[in-house]
Amino acid sequence: MEIQSETLAEEELAAITGYQIPSRQAGWLSKNGWEYVLTGARRPVVGRVYARLKLAGVKPSATNAVAETWTLDLSKVS
């Protein structure tokens, strides 16, 4: 199983925005209310969890953007 990066790949960002040119991608992201940061090369970077929430129609927040923590409960194992 391949482990995915925490950020979207260039191809994924192009598929979402419909643009290959980074400045156009950034323009689309801004116009559509997406949060992103720019690299030193002026390429937009979008977090994977954030993108999944946005594409699902969920407004990302500090509460739902963090993976739920869990603990192993062996109390019912005999």
Protein backbone atom coordinates (compact mmCIF):
# COMPACT_ATOMS: atom_id res chain seq x y z
CA MET A 1 0.00 0.00 0.00
CA GLU A 2 1.38 3.38 -1.00
CA ILE A 3 1.41 6.07 1.67
CA GLN A 4 -0.04 9.36 0.44
CA SER A 5 1.58 12.69 1.13
CA GLU A 6 -0.01 15.12 3.58
CA THR A 7 -0.41 17.57 0.68
CA LEU A 8 -2.01 17.20 -2.73
CA ALA A 9 0.24 16.26 -5.63
CA GLU A 10 0.56 18.67 -8.56
CA GLU A 11 -1.65 16.40 -10.68
CA GLU A 12 -4.37 16.33 -8.02
CA LEU A 13 -4.34 20.10 -7.69
CA ALA A 14 -4.58 20.44 -11.48
CA ALA A 15 -7.53 18.01 -11.53
CA ILE A 16 -9.40 20.02 -8.86
CA THR A 17 -8.71 23.47 -10.28
CA GLY A 18 -8.69 22.60 -13.97
CA TYR A 19 -5.43 24.51 -14.40
CA GLN A 20 -1.80 23.44 -14.88
CA ILE A 21 -0.28 26.89 -14.34
CA PRO A 22 0.36 27.56 -10.62
CA SER A 23 -0.82 31.19 -10.74
CA ARG A 24 -4.12 30.06 -12.29
CA GLN A 25 -4.45 27.33 -9.64
CA ALA A 26 -3.91 29.91 -6.90
CA GLY A 27 -6.49 32.18 -8.52
CA TRP A 28 -9.06 29.38 -8.63
CA LEU A 29 -8.35 28.41 -5.03
CA SER A 30 -8.78 32.01 -3.84
CA LYS A 31 -11.94 32.53 -5.88
CA ASN A 32 -13.50 29.39 -4.43
CA GLY A 33 -12.54 30.05 -0.81
CA TRP A 34 -9.82 27.42 -0.42
CA GLU A 35 -6.96 27.87 2.05
CA TYR A 36 -3.48 27.29 0.65
CA VAL A 37 0.13 28.35 1.06
CA LEU A 38 2.67 29.18 -1.62
CA THR A 39 6.05 27.50 -1.92
CA GLY A 40 9.19 29.48 -2.66
CA ALA A 41 8.56 28.69 -6.33
CA ARG A 42 5.07 30.31 -6.00
CA ARG A 43 3.22 26.98 -6.32
CA PRO A 44 0.07 26.54 -4.22
CA VAL A 45 0.08 23.78 -1.61
CA VAL A 46 -3.17 22.33 -0.23
CA GLY A 47 -3.42 19.87 2.65
CA ARG A 48 -4.94 16.48 1.83
CA VAL A 49 -7.35 16.36 4.80
CA TYR A 50 -8.45 19.93 4.11
CA ALA A 51 -9.13 19.09 0.44
CA ARG A 52 -11.14 16.00 1.38
CA LEU A 53 -13.32 18.04 3.72
CA LYS A 54 -13.84 20.80 1.14
CA LEU A 55 -14.73 18.31 -1.59
CA ALA A 56 -17.19 16.60 0.76
CA GLY A 57 -18.94 19.92 1.40
CA VAL A 58 -17.78 20.12 5.01
CA LYS A 59 -16.46 23.45 6.25
CA PRO A 60 -12.97 22.60 7.56
CA SER A 61 -12.29 23.71 11.13
CA ALA A 62 -9.72 22.98 13.80
CA THR A 63 -12.11 20.40 15.25
CA ASN A 64 -12.91 18.31 12.18
CA ALA A 65 -9.57 18.73 10.40
CA VAL A 66 -7.66 16.83 13.07
CA ALA A 67 -7.68 13.06 13.00
CA GLU A 68 -9.59 11.62 15.93
CA THR A 69 -7.29 10.10 18.51
CA TRP A 70 -8.03 6.63 19.74
CA THR A 71 -6.72 4.19 22.29
CA LEU A 72 -6.61 0.44 22.24
CA ASP A 73 -9.29 -0.94 24.59
CA LEU A 74 -8.52 -4.49 25.63
CA SER A 75 -10.92 -4.52 28.58
CA LYS A 76 -13.39 -6.79 26.76
CA VAL A 77 -10.81 -9.28 25.54
CA SER A 78 -10.64 -12.49 27.54
